[in-house]
Amino acid sequence: MDDQSTILSQIIDVERAWATAHLNLDLDQIEEILSEDYRQIQPDGSLLGKDELLASYKSGLRSWEIAESDELEIRLLGNTALLIGRWRGKGDNNGHVFDYQARFLAVYQLEDGRWKLISDVSVPLAESN
C-alpha cells in the first residue's frame, strides 16, 4: 500500500470508529476522536464545541439503533482531510424518535500522529418516494 492509500485507510478507519462509537454510545471513543478545538455547525448556524457535544451524549437521553456512514470521498490537503459522505442515524433523543439520512462534510486533521475530527456539518437528504 502506498502512503496515500495508507492515509486514506486510516481516515476511513477513524470515520468507522466514529459511527460505531455512536451506536454503542462509547463516550471515551467519541472524546478520543474529537480534537480539542472541535466545532460542529448546527442547522440554525450556531456552533457546538467538544464539551457541549459530549455533555449532550452524557445526559443518557440518547440512544442509537443505526449509526453508519457510507459513500465516502476524501480529499487530502497536507495534514488535513476533507471527508464527504452520507450518514444514516436512527434512534431516540430525549423521547423524540429520529430516523434520517444526511450528506456531511467532516474535517479531519493529523494531530500527534492521529487523525482527529476538527469540524463537521450535515445537511438532511430529502426523503425519497
Protein backbone atom coordinates (compact mmCIF):
# COMPACT_ATOMS: atom_id res chain seq x y z
CA MET A 1 0.00 0.00 0.00
CA ASP A 2 1.39 3.41 -0.90
CA ASP A 3 1.47 6.31 1.57
CA GLN A 4 -1.70 7.94 0.22
CA SER A 5 -3.63 4.65 0.34
CA THR A 6 -2.46 4.12 3.92
CA ILE A 7 -3.58 7.61 4.92
CA LEU A 8 -6.99 7.19 3.26
CA SER A 9 -7.43 3.87 5.03
CA GLN A 10 -6.57 5.46 8.39
CA ILE A 11 -9.16 8.21 7.88
CA ILE A 12 -11.84 5.71 6.88
CA ASP A 13 -10.99 3.66 9.98
CA VAL A 14 -11.49 6.72 12.20
CA GLU A 15 -14.79 7.54 10.47
CA ARG A 16 -15.98 3.94 11.02
CA ALA A 17 -14.90 4.14 14.68
CA TRP A 18 -16.89 7.39 14.97
CA ALA A 19 -20.07 5.69 13.71
CA THR A 20 -19.55 2.63 15.91
CA ALA A 21 -18.91 4.83 18.95
CA HIS A 22 -22.29 6.50 18.37
CA LEU A 23 -24.05 3.18 18.00
CA ASN A 24 -22.53 1.93 21.26
CA LEU A 25 -22.54 5.35 22.97
CA ASP A 26 -18.85 4.86 23.62
CA LEU A 27 -18.15 8.31 25.03
CA ASP A 28 -14.47 7.58 25.59
CA GLN A 29 -14.04 6.75 21.88
CA ILE A 30 -16.05 9.81 20.80
CA GLU A 31 -13.93 12.02 23.05
CA GLU A 32 -10.73 10.45 21.70
CA ILE A 33 -11.71 11.15 18.09
CA LEU A 34 -12.66 14.79 18.69
CA SER A 35 -10.00 17.46 18.55
CA GLU A 36 -9.88 19.83 21.50
CA ASP A 37 -10.80 22.62 19.03
CA TYR A 38 -13.76 20.68 17.57
CA ARG A 39 -16.69 22.74 16.24
CA GLN A 40 -19.92 21.40 14.78
CA ILE A 41 -22.11 23.68 12.69
CA GLN A 42 -25.72 23.27 13.78
CA PRO A 43 -28.75 23.52 11.42
CA ASP A 44 -29.52 27.03 12.77
CA GLY A 45 -25.94 28.15 12.07
CA SER A 46 -24.80 28.10 15.70
CA LEU A 47 -21.61 26.33 16.75
CA LEU A 48 -21.33 23.41 19.14
CA GLY A 49 -17.98 22.65 20.77
CA LYS A 50 -16.50 19.42 22.06
CA ASP A 51 -17.65 19.92 25.66
CA GLU A 52 -21.23 20.69 24.62
CA LEU A 53 -21.40 17.71 22.29
CA LEU A 54 -20.07 15.34 24.94
CA ALA A 55 -22.48 16.76 27.54
CA SER A 56 -25.42 16.07 25.23
CA TYR A 57 -24.33 12.43 24.94
CA LYS A 58 -23.63 12.06 28.67
CA SER A 59 -27.21 13.01 29.52
CA GLY A 60 -28.24 9.39 28.92
CA LEU A 61 -31.26 10.59 26.97
CA ARG A 62 -29.98 9.47 23.56
CA SER A 63 -29.82 6.01 22.05
CA TRP A 64 -29.00 4.77 18.57
CA GLU A 65 -30.37 1.83 16.58
CA ILE A 66 -28.49 2.81 13.42
CA ALA A 67 -25.36 4.96 13.11
CA GLU A 68 -23.42 4.49 9.90
CA SER A 69 -21.69 6.34 7.12
CA ASP A 70 -21.01 5.40 3.52
CA GLU A 71 -20.38 6.94 0.09
CA LEU A 72 -17.12 8.32 1.48
CA GLU A 73 -14.95 10.63 -0.61
CA ILE A 74 -11.73 12.03 0.82
CA ARG A 75 -9.62 14.98 -0.32
CA LEU A 76 -6.18 15.28 1.27
CA LEU A 77 -4.68 18.70 1.82
CA GLY A 78 -1.40 18.06 3.62
CA ASN A 79 -2.23 17.11 7.22
CA THR A 80 -5.92 17.90 6.71
CA ALA A 81 -8.55 15.68 5.14
CA LEU A 82 -11.98 16.70 3.88
CA LEU A 83 -14.34 13.75 4.05
CA ILE A 84 -17.72 13.91 2.31
CA GLY A 85 -20.16 11.10 2.92
CA ARG A 86 -23.69 10.01 3.69
CA TRP A 87 -24.79 9.47 7.30
CA ARG A 88 -27.73 7.39 8.47
CA GLY A 89 -28.97 7.76 12.02
CA LYS A 90 -31.94 6.20 13.76
CA GLY A 91 -32.77 6.23 17.44
CA ASP A 92 -34.23 8.27 20.26
CA ASN A 93 -33.15 11.64 21.60
CA ASN A 94 -34.91 12.61 24.84
CA GLY A 95 -38.17 10.93 23.78
CA HIS A 96 -38.03 12.18 20.19
CA VAL A 97 -37.58 9.38 17.66
CA PHE A 98 -35.26 10.25 14.78
CA ASP A 99 -34.61 8.43 11.52
CA TYR A 100 -32.72 10.41 8.92
CA GLN A 101 -30.08 10.44 6.23
CA ALA A 102 -27.77 13.37 5.63
CA ARG A 103 -24.87 14.35 3.44
CA PHE A 104 -21.99 15.50 5.62
CA LEU A 105 -18.63 17.18 5.45
CA ALA A 106 -16.16 16.18 8.15
CA VAL A 107 -12.76 17.81 8.51
CA TYR A 108 -10.01 15.66 9.99
CA GLN A 109 -6.55 16.86 10.94
CA LEU A 110 -3.45 14.89 11.82
CA GLU A 111 -2.59 15.72 15.45
CA ASP A 112 0.28 13.95 17.21
CA GLY A 113 0.15 11.09 14.73
CA ARG A 114 -3.63 10.53 14.97
CA TRP A 115 -6.47 11.74 12.77
CA LYS A 116 -8.83 13.93 14.82
CA LEU A 117 -12.21 15.33 13.85
CA ILE A 118 -11.97 19.13 13.99
CA SER A 119 -15.28 20.13 12.42
CA ASP A 120 -18.38 18.79 10.73
CA VAL A 121 -21.67 19.87 9.23
CA SER A 122 -24.51 17.87 7.74
CA VAL A 123 -27.48 18.56 5.50
CA PRO A 124 -30.51 16.26 5.65
CA LEU A 125 -31.28 14.43 2.44
CA ALA A 126 -34.76 14.92 1.03
CA GLU A 127 -37.00 11.93 1.66
CA SER A 128 -37.35 9.73 -1.39
CA ASN A 129 -40.70 8.40 -2.53
